[in-house]
């Protein structure tokens, strides 16, 4: 059996299936499940994780409203657990398409991305709390068929941030479900991933130039905790609930994101001088154990960051 790729690729055009999308296409998404030791902090300490394509979070899948996603998942032969894939952007049968498969087996199905927005995908195998807590989650972005507009302007840069749990190695699944044994919060797979203020080993930050519109697609992949998403020294210019262009709010200080939910946030820094923001979960138990991201706004910002489809800094 051929080895699955970790990236989504466009394979061609299909019929519009009754939607108004004139250029609806089929997007082939092939993601393997890999159980492996993975670095969970900037110092390189590792922990046994269950992953999509070897990373936490898994690869970003991006399609346009009306596209058909032709999905397949290989649960690699060397794995120990059964795994599945639950796309929150899909309308299917939980007992069919979302069923778990044993190591060495493949699960394949199709769905049409009918609703625009930002959605989590995750493993739904039993016990679900353990599979998610061990890193089996990622993001699918469904861009609106009509594209950008006055209410949904094109950003200068965009990033994906996913907040997850880190439990003590060996925590039992029932304790994960009860939130017992949690020791830190992960941002895109690592504690204080983009925060050199609180972690001297952190080598990455988000970057933009002063005055740019920075868009953050945020997903809460924690098992139990909501996230009070706040940009310290800033105000969310616009927030789109679930990332849907019609679900818009203005001038928001802190926005609550439930577990397994998502939203899209725009932040515009002052244009007349360099500044910095700390994007945090304002629940301090999570912020001070890893959920802080630094955004540096300066004239020498790397022109490649947050552009060209590379949405997660690794």
C-alpha atoms as a PDB file:
ATOM      1  CA  UNK A   1       0.000   0.000   0.000  1.00  0.00           C
ATOM      2  CA  UNK A   2       1.360   3.400  -0.895  1.00  0.00           C
ATOM      3  CA  UNK A   3       2.373   5.683   1.961  1.00  0.00           C
ATOM      4  CA  UNK A   4      -0.003   8.591   2.589  1.00  0.00           C
ATOM      5  CA  UNK A   5       1.161  12.147   2.031  1.00  0.00           C
ATOM      6  CA  UNK A   6       0.684  14.749   4.745  1.00  0.00           C
ATOM      7  CA  UNK A   7      -0.424  17.652   2.565  1.00  0.00           C
ATOM      8  CA  UNK A   8      -3.673  18.520   0.818  1.00  0.00           C
ATOM      9  CA  UNK A   9      -3.416  18.853  -2.946  1.00  0.00           C
ATOM     10  CA  UNK A  10      -5.845  19.969  -5.621  1.00  0.00           C
ATOM     11  CA  UNK A  11      -6.452  17.258  -8.192  1.00  0.00           C
ATOM     12  CA  UNK A  12      -8.942  18.807 -10.608  1.00  0.00           C
ATOM     13  CA  UNK A  13     -12.460  20.036 -11.323  1.00  0.00           C
ATOM     14  CA  UNK A  14     -15.712  18.256 -10.585  1.00  0.00           C
ATOM     15  CA  UNK A  15     -19.363  19.049 -11.132  1.00  0.00           C
ATOM     16  CA  UNK A  16     -20.847  21.769  -8.962  1.00  0.00           C
ATOM     17  CA  UNK A  17     -23.197  19.320  -7.228  1.00  0.00           C
ATOM     18  CA  UNK A  18     -25.998  21.873  -7.181  1.00  0.00           C
ATOM     19  CA  UNK A  19     -23.993  24.603  -5.459  1.00  0.00           C
ATOM     20  CA  UNK A  20     -23.482  28.088  -6.920  1.00  0.00           C
ATOM     21  CA  UNK A  21     -19.726  27.597  -6.916  1.00  0.00           C
ATOM     22  CA  UNK A  22     -18.692  27.781 -10.574  1.00  0.00           C
ATOM     23  CA  UNK A  23     -15.189  26.388  -9.982  1.00  0.00           C
ATOM     24  CA  UNK A  24     -15.890  23.763  -7.349  1.00  0.00           C
ATOM     25  CA  UNK A  25     -13.129  21.176  -7.344  1.00  0.00           C
ATOM     26  CA  UNK A  26     -12.097  17.954  -5.722  1.00  0.00           C
ATOM     27  CA  UNK A  27      -9.313  18.344  -3.171  1.00  0.00           C
ATOM     28  CA  UNK A  28      -7.431  15.173  -2.324  1.00  0.00           C
ATOM     29  CA  UNK A  29      -6.355  15.007   1.323  1.00  0.00           C
ATOM     30  CA  UNK A  30      -4.209  12.067   2.422  1.00  0.00           C
ATOM     31  CA  UNK A  31      -3.079  12.049   6.060  1.00  0.00           C
ATOM     32  CA  UNK A  32      -1.285   9.212   7.869  1.00  0.00           C
ATOM     33  CA  UNK A  33      -1.583   8.558  11.602  1.00  0.00           C
ATOM     34  CA  UNK A  34       1.819   8.292  13.253  1.00  0.00           C
ATOM     35  CA  UNK A  35       2.384   7.406  16.910  1.00  0.00           C
ATOM     36  CA  UNK A  36       5.760   8.846  17.888  1.00  0.00           C
ATOM     37  CA  UNK A  37       7.846  10.668  20.465  1.00  0.00           C
ATOM     38  CA  UNK A  38       7.560  14.381  19.793  1.00  0.00           C
ATOM     39  CA  UNK A  39       9.130  17.525  21.266  1.00  0.00           C
ATOM     40  CA  UNK A  40       6.574  19.234  23.498  1.00  0.00           C
ATOM     41  CA  UNK A  41       8.633  22.275  24.497  1.00  0.00           C
ATOM     42  CA  UNK A  42      11.328  24.551  23.103  1.00  0.00           C
ATOM     43  CA  UNK A  43      14.060  22.729  25.024  1.00  0.00           C
ATOM     44  CA  UNK A  44      13.392  19.557  23.040  1.00  0.00           C
ATOM     45  CA  UNK A  45      11.884  17.415  25.792  1.00  0.00           C
ATOM     46  CA  UNK A  46       9.732  14.698  24.251  1.00  0.00           C
ATOM     47  CA  UNK A  47       6.592  12.806  25.094  1.00  0.00           C
ATOM     48  CA  UNK A  48       4.747   9.949  23.403  1.00  0.00           C
ATOM     49  CA  UNK A  49       2.117  11.528  21.158  1.00  0.00           C
ATOM     50  CA  UNK A  50      -0.428  10.289  18.641  1.00  0.00           C
ATOM     51  CA  UNK A  51      -0.345  12.487  15.562  1.00  0.00           C
ATOM     52  CA  UNK A  52      -1.706  13.235  12.142  1.00  0.00           C
ATOM     53  CA  UNK A  53       1.239  13.225   9.719  1.00  0.00           C
ATOM     54  CA  UNK A  54       3.778  13.364  12.536  1.00  0.00           C
ATOM     55  CA  UNK A  55       3.029  16.848  13.858  1.00  0.00           C
ATOM     56  CA  UNK A  56       0.846  18.511  16.487  1.00  0.00           C
ATOM     57  CA  UNK A  57      -1.358  19.984  15.218  1.00  0.00           C
ATOM     58  CA  UNK A  58      -1.690  18.041  11.969  1.00  0.00           C
ATOM     59  CA  UNK A  59      -1.387  19.659   8.533  1.00  0.00           C
ATOM     60  CA  UNK A  60      -3.688  22.562   7.728  1.00  0.00           C
ATOM     61  CA  UNK A  61      -6.301  21.624   5.140  1.00  0.00           C
ATOM     62  CA  UNK A  62      -7.606  24.585   3.125  1.00  0.00           C
ATOM     63  CA  UNK A  63     -10.442  24.434   0.597  1.00  0.00           C
ATOM     64  CA  UNK A  64     -13.119  26.697  -0.848  1.00  0.00           C
ATOM     65  CA  UNK A  65     -16.812  26.490   0.007  1.00  0.00           C
ATOM     66  CA  UNK A  66     -18.436  23.973  -2.334  1.00  0.00           C
ATOM     67  CA  UNK A  67     -15.281  21.908  -2.874  1.00  0.00           C
ATOM     68  CA  UNK A  68     -15.427  18.155  -2.446  1.00  0.00           C
ATOM     69  CA  UNK A  69     -12.814  16.770  -0.049  1.00  0.00           C
ATOM     70  CA  UNK A  70     -11.603  13.309  -1.097  1.00  0.00           C
ATOM     71  CA  UNK A  71     -10.089  12.133   2.167  1.00  0.00           C
ATOM     72  CA  UNK A  72      -8.085   9.052   3.109  1.00  0.00           C
ATOM     73  CA  UNK A  73      -6.270   8.183   6.335  1.00  0.00           C
ATOM     74  CA  UNK A  74      -3.761   5.403   6.802  1.00  0.00           C
ATOM     75  CA  UNK A  75      -3.369   4.163  10.368  1.00  0.00           C
ATOM     76  CA  UNK A  76       0.251   3.105  10.008  1.00  0.00           C
ATOM     77  CA  UNK A  77       1.059  -0.542  10.560  1.00  0.00           C
ATOM     78  CA  UNK A  78       3.494   0.071  13.424  1.00  0.00           C
ATOM     79  CA  UNK A  79       0.916   1.922  15.544  1.00  0.00           C
ATOM     80  CA  UNK A  80      -0.677   0.340  18.605  1.00  0.00           C
ATOM     81  CA  UNK A  81      -4.090   2.047  18.631  1.00  0.00           C
ATOM     82  CA  UNK A  82      -7.172   2.283  16.431  1.00  0.00           C
ATOM     83  CA  UNK A  83      -7.775   5.810  15.113  1.00  0.00           C
ATOM     84  CA  UNK A  84     -10.348   7.808  13.168  1.00  0.00           C
ATOM     85  CA  UNK A  85     -10.917  11.228  11.608  1.00  0.00           C
ATOM     86  CA  UNK A  86     -13.778  13.561  12.527  1.00  0.00           C
ATOM     87  CA  UNK A  87     -13.925  16.674  10.351  1.00  0.00           C
ATOM     88  CA  UNK A  88     -16.150  19.297  11.954  1.00  0.00           C
ATOM     89  CA  UNK A  89     -16.570  20.789   8.470  1.00  0.00           C
ATOM     90  CA  UNK A  90     -18.316  17.632   7.227  1.00  0.00           C
ATOM     91  CA  UNK A  91     -21.897  16.342   7.327  1.00  0.00           C
ATOM     92  CA  UNK A  92     -21.688  12.546   7.302  1.00  0.00           C
ATOM     93  CA  UNK A  93     -22.480   9.454   9.393  1.00  0.00           C
ATOM     94  CA  UNK A  94     -20.660   9.181  12.697  1.00  0.00           C
ATOM     95  CA  UNK A  95     -21.043   5.373  12.632  1.00  0.00           C
ATOM     96  CA  UNK A  96     -19.747   5.030   9.090  1.00  0.00           C
ATOM     97  CA  UNK A  97     -17.253   7.612   7.866  1.00  0.00           C
ATOM     98  CA  UNK A  98     -16.040   8.505  11.348  1.00  0.00           C
ATOM     99  CA  UNK A  99     -15.497   4.945  12.561  1.00  0.00           C
ATOM    100  CA  UNK A 100     -12.040   3.964  13.822  1.00  0.00           C
ATOM    101  CA  UNK A 101      -9.700   1.663  11.918  1.00  0.00           C
ATOM    102  CA  UNK A 102      -7.007  -0.651  13.240  1.00  0.00           C
ATOM    103  CA  UNK A 103      -3.265  -0.259  12.558  1.00  0.00           C
ATOM    104  CA  UNK A 104      -2.411  -1.050   8.960  1.00  0.00           C
ATOM    105  CA  UNK A 105      -5.901  -0.123   7.730  1.00  0.00           C
ATOM    106  CA  UNK A 106      -7.130   2.852   5.694  1.00  0.00           C
ATOM    107  CA  UNK A 107     -10.322   4.883   6.052  1.00  0.00           C
ATOM    108  CA  UNK A 108     -11.529   6.864   3.041  1.00  0.00           C
ATOM    109  CA  UNK A 109     -14.581   9.024   2.372  1.00  0.00           C
ATOM    110  CA  UNK A 110     -15.739  12.197   0.632  1.00  0.00           C
ATOM    111  CA  UNK A 111     -17.641  15.243   1.825  1.00  0.00           C
ATOM    112  CA  UNK A 112     -18.592  18.598   0.380  1.00  0.00           C
ATOM    113  CA  UNK A 113     -17.478  21.695   2.292  1.00  0.00           C
ATOM    114  CA  UNK A 114     -20.851  23.461   2.376  1.00  0.00           C
ATOM    115  CA  UNK A 115     -20.187  26.012   5.118  1.00  0.00           C
ATOM    116  CA  UNK A 116     -17.354  28.547   5.144  1.00  0.00           C
ATOM    117  CA  UNK A 117     -15.323  28.982   8.293  1.00  0.00           C
ATOM    118  CA  UNK A 118     -12.585  27.515  10.455  1.00  0.00           C
ATOM    119  CA  UNK A 119     -13.125  24.041  11.859  1.00  0.00           C
ATOM    120  CA  UNK A 120     -11.252  21.552  13.983  1.00  0.00           C
ATOM    121  CA  UNK A 121     -10.594  18.010  12.877  1.00  0.00           C
ATOM    122  CA  UNK A 122      -9.735  15.368  15.456  1.00  0.00           C
ATOM    123  CA  UNK A 123      -9.673  11.682  16.258  1.00  0.00           C
ATOM    124  CA  UNK A 124     -12.944  10.310  17.578  1.00  0.00           C
ATOM    125  CA  UNK A 125     -11.733   6.856  18.593  1.00  0.00           C
ATOM    126  CA  UNK A 126     -12.553   5.695  22.110  1.00  0.00           C
ATOM    127  CA  UNK A 127     -11.588   7.100  24.556  1.00  0.00           C
ATOM    128  CA  UNK A 128     -11.867  10.348  22.622  1.00  0.00           C
ATOM    129  CA  UNK A 129     -10.443  12.500  25.416  1.00  0.00           C
ATOM    130  CA  UNK A 130      -7.159  10.572  25.330  1.00  0.00           C
ATOM    131  CA  UNK A 131      -6.816  10.618  21.548  1.00  0.00           C
ATOM    132  CA  UNK A 132      -7.358  14.380  21.393  1.00  0.00           C
ATOM    133  CA  UNK A 133      -5.178  15.102  24.421  1.00  0.00           C
ATOM    134  CA  UNK A 134      -2.327  13.127  22.888  1.00  0.00           C
ATOM    135  CA  UNK A 135      -2.269  15.478  19.890  1.00  0.00           C
ATOM    136  CA  UNK A 136      -4.738  14.103  17.360  1.00  0.00           C
ATOM    137  CA  UNK A 137      -6.184  17.340  16.032  1.00  0.00           C
ATOM    138  CA  UNK A 138      -5.759  19.897  13.279  1.00  0.00           C
ATOM    139  CA  UNK A 139      -7.500  22.636  11.308  1.00  0.00           C
ATOM    140  CA  UNK A 140      -9.537  22.801   8.123  1.00  0.00           C
ATOM    141  CA  UNK A 141     -10.229  26.261   6.696  1.00  0.00           C
ATOM    142  CA  UNK A 142     -13.134  26.606   4.282  1.00  0.00           C
ATOM    143  CA  UNK A 143     -12.770  29.914   2.440  1.00  0.00           C
ATOM    144  CA  UNK A 144     -16.065  31.609   1.415  1.00  0.00           C
ATOM    145  CA  UNK A 145     -17.098  31.087  -2.184  1.00  0.00           C
ATOM    146  CA  UNK A 146     -17.503  34.850  -2.726  1.00  0.00           C
ATOM    147  CA  UNK A 147     -13.958  35.590  -1.526  1.00  0.00           C
ATOM    148  CA  UNK A 148     -12.976  38.740   0.366  1.00  0.00           C
ATOM    149  CA  UNK A 149     -15.354  41.656   0.954  1.00  0.00           C
ATOM    150  CA  UNK A 150     -15.708  44.865   2.969  1.00  0.00           C
ATOM    151  CA  UNK A 151     -16.851  42.834   5.973  1.00  0.00           C
ATOM    152  CA  UNK A 152     -14.218  40.146   5.380  1.00  0.00           C
ATOM    153  CA  UNK A 153     -11.160  42.038   4.072  1.00  0.00           C
ATOM    154  CA  UNK A 154      -8.011  40.430   2.775  1.00  0.00           C
ATOM    155  CA  UNK A 155      -5.360  40.275   5.529  1.00  0.00           C
ATOM    156  CA  UNK A 156      -1.747  41.269   5.154  1.00  0.00           C
ATOM    157  CA  UNK A 157      -0.677  38.172   7.048  1.00  0.00           C
ATOM    158  CA  UNK A 158      -2.452  35.195   8.567  1.00  0.00           C
ATOM    159  CA  UNK A 159      -1.507  32.549  11.083  1.00  0.00           C
ATOM    160  CA  UNK A 160      -3.085  29.447  12.598  1.00  0.00           C
ATOM    161  CA  UNK A 161      -2.916  28.964  16.369  1.00  0.00           C
ATOM    162  CA  UNK A 162      -4.192  25.791  18.016  1.00  0.00           C
ATOM    163  CA  UNK A 163      -4.284  25.467  21.799  1.00  0.00           C
ATOM    164  CA  UNK A 164      -4.120  21.984  23.273  1.00  0.00           C
ATOM    165  CA  UNK A 165      -3.545  20.139  26.526  1.00  0.00           C
ATOM    166  CA  UNK A 166      -0.369  18.553  27.845  1.00  0.00           C
ATOM    167  CA  UNK A 167      -0.996  15.881  30.450  1.00  0.00           C
ATOM    168  CA  UNK A 168       1.599  14.138  32.582  1.00  0.00           C
ATOM    169  CA  UNK A 169       3.030  11.091  30.829  1.00  0.00           C
ATOM    170  CA  UNK A 170       1.008   8.056  31.880  1.00  0.00           C
ATOM    171  CA  UNK A 171      -2.166   9.934  32.833  1.00  0.00           C
ATOM    172  CA  UNK A 172      -5.130   7.579  32.595  1.00  0.00           C
ATOM    173  CA  UNK A 173      -7.855   8.336  30.040  1.00  0.00           C
ATOM    174  CA  UNK A 174     -10.509   8.764  32.729  1.00  0.00           C
ATOM    175  CA  UNK A 175      -8.304  11.341  34.456  1.00  0.00           C
ATOM    176  CA  UNK A 176      -7.839  13.232  31.178  1.00  0.00           C
ATOM    177  CA  UNK A 177     -11.605  13.340  30.864  1.00  0.00           C
ATOM    178  CA  UNK A 178     -11.781  14.830  34.367  1.00  0.00           C
ATOM    179  CA  UNK A 179      -8.912  17.258  33.633  1.00  0.00           C
ATOM    180  CA  UNK A 180      -6.725  15.565  36.225  1.00  0.00           C
ATOM    181  CA  UNK A 181      -3.017  15.425  35.442  1.00  0.00           C
ATOM    182  CA  UNK A 182      -2.868  18.402  33.110  1.00  0.00           C
ATOM    183  CA  UNK A 183       0.507  20.075  33.487  1.00  0.00           C
ATOM    184  CA  UNK A 184       0.622  22.648  30.692  1.00  0.00           C
ATOM    185  CA  UNK A 185      -1.040  24.169  27.657  1.00  0.00           C
ATOM    186  CA  UNK A 186       0.349  23.657  24.175  1.00  0.00           C
ATOM    187  CA  UNK A 187       0.390  26.277  21.439  1.00  0.00           C
ATOM    188  CA  UNK A 188       0.824  24.556  18.084  1.00  0.00           C
ATOM    189  CA  UNK A 189       2.270  21.561  19.864  1.00  0.00           C
ATOM    190  CA  UNK A 190       4.699  23.190  22.295  1.00  0.00           C
ATOM    191  CA  UNK A 191       4.643  24.962  25.659  1.00  0.00           C
ATOM    192  CA  UNK A 192       5.326  28.723  25.179  1.00  0.00           C
ATOM    193  CA  UNK A 193       6.025  27.893  21.525  1.00  0.00           C
ATOM    194  CA  UNK A 194       6.260  31.541  20.420  1.00  0.00           C
ATOM    195  CA  UNK A 195       7.083  33.261  23.703  1.00  0.00           C
ATOM    196  CA  UNK A 196      10.745  34.163  24.289  1.00  0.00           C
ATOM    197  CA  UNK A 197       9.649  36.373  27.205  1.00  0.00           C
ATOM    198  CA  UNK A 198       8.678  33.391  29.365  1.00  0.00           C
ATOM    199  CA  UNK A 199      10.902  30.767  27.725  1.00  0.00           C
ATOM    200  CA  UNK A 200      14.480  31.617  26.788  1.00  0.00           C
ATOM    201  CA  UNK A 201      14.541  28.570  24.491  1.00  0.00           C
ATOM    202  CA  UNK A 202      11.780  29.964  22.273  1.00  0.00           C
ATOM    203  CA  UNK A 203      13.234  30.932  18.899  1.00  0.00           C
ATOM    204  CA  UNK A 204      10.042  31.845  17.024  1.00  0.00           C
ATOM    205  CA  UNK A 205       7.482  34.626  17.279  1.00  0.00           C
ATOM    206  CA  UNK A 206       4.699  35.782  15.015  1.00  0.00           C
ATOM    207  CA  UNK A 207       5.707  38.874  13.038  1.00  0.00           C
ATOM    208  CA  UNK A 208       4.104  41.718  11.107  1.00  0.00           C
ATOM    209  CA  UNK A 209       4.893  45.283  10.087  1.00  0.00           C
ATOM    210  CA  UNK A 210       3.300  48.181  12.000  1.00  0.00           C
ATOM    211  CA  UNK A 211      -0.246  48.814  10.842  1.00  0.00           C
ATOM    212  CA  UNK A 212      -0.697  45.514   9.010  1.00  0.00           C
ATOM    213  CA  UNK A 213      -3.908  43.506   9.329  1.00  0.00           C
ATOM    214  CA  UNK A 214      -2.919  40.218  10.965  1.00  0.00           C
ATOM    215  CA  UNK A 215      -5.492  37.430  10.814  1.00  0.00           C
ATOM    216  CA  UNK A 216      -5.383  34.589  13.309  1.00  0.00           C
ATOM    217  CA  UNK A 217      -7.422  31.460  12.772  1.00  0.00           C
ATOM    218  CA  UNK A 218      -7.722  30.083  16.299  1.00  0.00           C
ATOM    219  CA  UNK A 219      -8.863  26.585  17.279  1.00  0.00           C
ATOM    220  CA  UNK A 220      -9.367  25.344  20.826  1.00  0.00           C
ATOM    221  CA  UNK A 221      -8.350  21.676  20.881  1.00  0.00           C
ATOM    222  CA  UNK A 222      -8.378  21.328  24.660  1.00  0.00           C
ATOM    223  CA  UNK A 223     -10.452  18.495  26.028  1.00  0.00           C
ATOM    224  CA  UNK A 224     -12.309  20.476  28.698  1.00  0.00           C
ATOM    225  CA  UNK A 225     -11.280  24.120  29.038  1.00  0.00           C
ATOM    226  CA  UNK A 226     -12.638  27.072  27.106  1.00  0.00           C
ATOM    227  CA  UNK A 227     -10.195  29.795  26.025  1.00  0.00           C
ATOM    228  CA  UNK A 228     -10.524  33.498  26.858  1.00  0.00           C
ATOM    229  CA  UNK A 229      -8.643  34.701  23.781  1.00  0.00           C
ATOM    230  CA  UNK A 230      -7.160  38.165  24.318  1.00  0.00           C
ATOM    231  CA  UNK A 231      -4.437  40.288  22.640  1.00  0.00           C
ATOM    232  CA  UNK A 232      -2.571  42.095  25.410  1.00  0.00           C
ATOM    233  CA  UNK A 233      -1.849  45.696  24.282  1.00  0.00           C
ATOM    234  CA  UNK A 234      -4.365  45.346  21.483  1.00  0.00           C
ATOM    235  CA  UNK A 235      -8.049  44.999  20.607  1.00  0.00           C
ATOM    236  CA  UNK A 236      -9.490  42.548  18.136  1.00  0.00           C
ATOM    237  CA  UNK A 237     -10.530  44.767  15.220  1.00  0.00           C
ATOM    238  CA  UNK A 238     -12.929  42.122  13.940  1.00  0.00           C
ATOM    239  CA  UNK A 239     -13.907  38.658  15.130  1.00  0.00           C
ATOM    240  CA  UNK A 240     -15.718  36.083  13.038  1.00  0.00           C
ATOM    241  CA  UNK A 241     -17.491  33.412  15.089  1.00  0.00           C
ATOM    242  CA  UNK A 242     -16.571  30.000  13.675  1.00  0.00           C
ATOM    243  CA  UNK A 243     -14.639  31.916  11.009  1.00  0.00           C
ATOM    244  CA  UNK A 244     -17.856  32.517   9.063  1.00  0.00           C
ATOM    245  CA  UNK A 245     -17.816  35.901   7.250  1.00  0.00           C
ATOM    246  CA  UNK A 246     -21.413  36.652   8.275  1.00  0.00           C
ATOM    247  CA  UNK A 247     -20.777  36.087  11.998  1.00  0.00           C
ATOM    248  CA  UNK A 248     -18.925  39.339  12.614  1.00  0.00           C
ATOM    249  CA  UNK A 249     -18.215  41.330  15.791  1.00  0.00           C
ATOM    250  CA  UNK A 250     -16.219  44.542  16.146  1.00  0.00           C
ATOM    251  CA  UNK A 251     -13.753  45.927  18.693  1.00  0.00           C
ATOM    252  CA  UNK A 252     -13.582  42.902  21.001  1.00  0.00           C
ATOM    253  CA  UNK A 253     -11.235  42.736  23.996  1.00  0.00           C
ATOM    254  CA  UNK A 254     -11.611  39.058  24.959  1.00  0.00           C
ATOM    255  CA  UNK A 255     -13.497  36.320  23.132  1.00  0.00           C
ATOM    256  CA  UNK A 256     -14.557  32.983  24.566  1.00  0.00           C
ATOM    257  CA  UNK A 257     -13.837  29.913  22.441  1.00  0.00           C
ATOM    258  CA  UNK A 258     -15.334  26.625  23.599  1.00  0.00           C
ATOM    259  CA  UNK A 259     -13.527  23.266  23.362  1.00  0.00           C
ATOM    260  CA  UNK A 260     -13.580  21.865  19.815  1.00  0.00           C
ATOM    261  CA  UNK A 261     -14.582  25.291  18.476  1.00  0.00           C
ATOM    262  CA  UNK A 262     -12.869  28.019  16.456  1.00  0.00           C
ATOM    263  CA  UNK A 263     -12.977  31.684  15.490  1.00  0.00           C
ATOM    264  CA  UNK A 264     -11.073  34.056  13.232  1.00  0.00           C
ATOM    265  CA  UNK A 265      -9.517  37.239  14.661  1.00  0.00           C
ATOM    266  CA  UNK A 266      -8.033  40.342  13.041  1.00  0.00           C
ATOM    267  CA  UNK A 267      -5.527  42.504  14.889  1.00  0.00           C
ATOM    268  CA  UNK A 268      -4.164  45.810  13.566  1.00  0.00           C
ATOM    269  CA  UNK A 269      -1.181  47.330  15.356  1.00  0.00           C
ATOM    270  CA  UNK A 270      -0.397  51.074  15.500  1.00  0.00           C
ATOM    271  CA  UNK A 271       1.108  52.154  12.182  1.00  0.00           C
ATOM    272  CA  UNK A 272       3.393  54.871  13.552  1.00  0.00           C
ATOM    273  CA  UNK A 273       5.796  52.812  15.657  1.00  0.00           C
ATOM    274  CA  UNK A 274       6.950  49.261  16.433  1.00  0.00           C
ATOM    275  CA  UNK A 275       4.944  47.454  19.109  1.00  0.00           C
ATOM    276  CA  UNK A 276       4.464  43.991  20.551  1.00  0.00           C
ATOM    277  CA  UNK A 277       1.386  41.996  21.540  1.00  0.00           C
ATOM    278  CA  UNK A 278       1.054  38.997  23.809  1.00  0.00           C
ATOM    279  CA  UNK A 279      -1.834  36.869  22.599  1.00  0.00           C
ATOM    280  CA  UNK A 280      -3.028  34.876  25.585  1.00  0.00           C
ATOM    281  CA  UNK A 281      -5.633  32.653  27.069  1.00  0.00           C
ATOM    282  CA  UNK A 282      -6.757  35.024  29.819  1.00  0.00           C
ATOM    283  CA  UNK A 283      -7.481  32.043  32.065  1.00  0.00           C
ATOM    284  CA  UNK A 284      -4.206  32.398  33.927  1.00  0.00           C
ATOM    285  CA  UNK A 285      -3.956  28.697  34.704  1.00  0.00           C
ATOM    286  CA  UNK A 286      -3.467  28.193  30.970  1.00  0.00           C
ATOM    287  CA  UNK A 287      -1.550  31.358  30.051  1.00  0.00           C
ATOM    288  CA  UNK A 288       1.131  30.865  32.669  1.00  0.00           C
ATOM    289  CA  UNK A 289       1.599  27.209  31.770  1.00  0.00           C
ATOM    290  CA  UNK A 290       2.212  27.764  28.084  1.00  0.00           C
ATOM    291  CA  UNK A 291      -0.645  29.593  26.328  1.00  0.00           C
ATOM    292  CA  UNK A 292       1.104  32.880  25.455  1.00  0.00           C
ATOM    293  CA  UNK A 293       2.086  33.883  21.923  1.00  0.00           C
ATOM    294  CA  UNK A 294       4.172  36.965  21.128  1.00  0.00           C
ATOM    295  CA  UNK A 295       3.391  38.999  18.003  1.00  0.00           C
ATOM    296  CA  UNK A 296       6.195  41.424  17.109  1.00  0.00           C
ATOM    297  CA  UNK A 297       5.193  44.374  14.909  1.00  0.00           C
ATOM    298  CA  UNK A 298       8.304  45.988  13.432  1.00  0.00           C
ATOM    299  CA  UNK A 299       9.629  47.337  10.133  1.00  0.00           C
ATOM    300  CA  UNK A 300      12.054  44.446   9.662  1.00  0.00           C
ATOM    301  CA  UNK A 301       9.369  41.749   9.923  1.00  0.00           C
ATOM    302  CA  UNK A 302      10.196  38.690   7.850  1.00  0.00           C
ATOM    303  CA  UNK A 303       8.240  39.184   4.603  1.00  0.00           C
ATOM    304  CA  UNK A 304       7.612  35.429   4.303  1.00  0.00           C
ATOM    305  CA  UNK A 305       5.979  34.889   7.693  1.00  0.00           C
ATOM    306  CA  UNK A 306       2.201  34.557   7.629  1.00  0.00           C
ATOM    307  CA  UNK A 307       2.136  34.414   3.846  1.00  0.00           C
ATOM    308  CA  UNK A 308       2.170  31.975   0.927  1.00  0.00           C
ATOM    309  CA  UNK A 309       0.005  29.430   2.704  1.00  0.00           C
ATOM    310  CA  UNK A 310       2.491  28.638   5.464  1.00  0.00           C
ATOM    311  CA  UNK A 311       0.116  29.297   8.354  1.00  0.00           C
ATOM    312  CA  UNK A 312       1.768  27.379  11.212  1.00  0.00           C
ATOM    313  CA  UNK A 313       5.303  28.308  12.285  1.00  0.00           C
ATOM    314  CA  UNK A 314       7.255  25.181  13.160  1.00  0.00           C
END
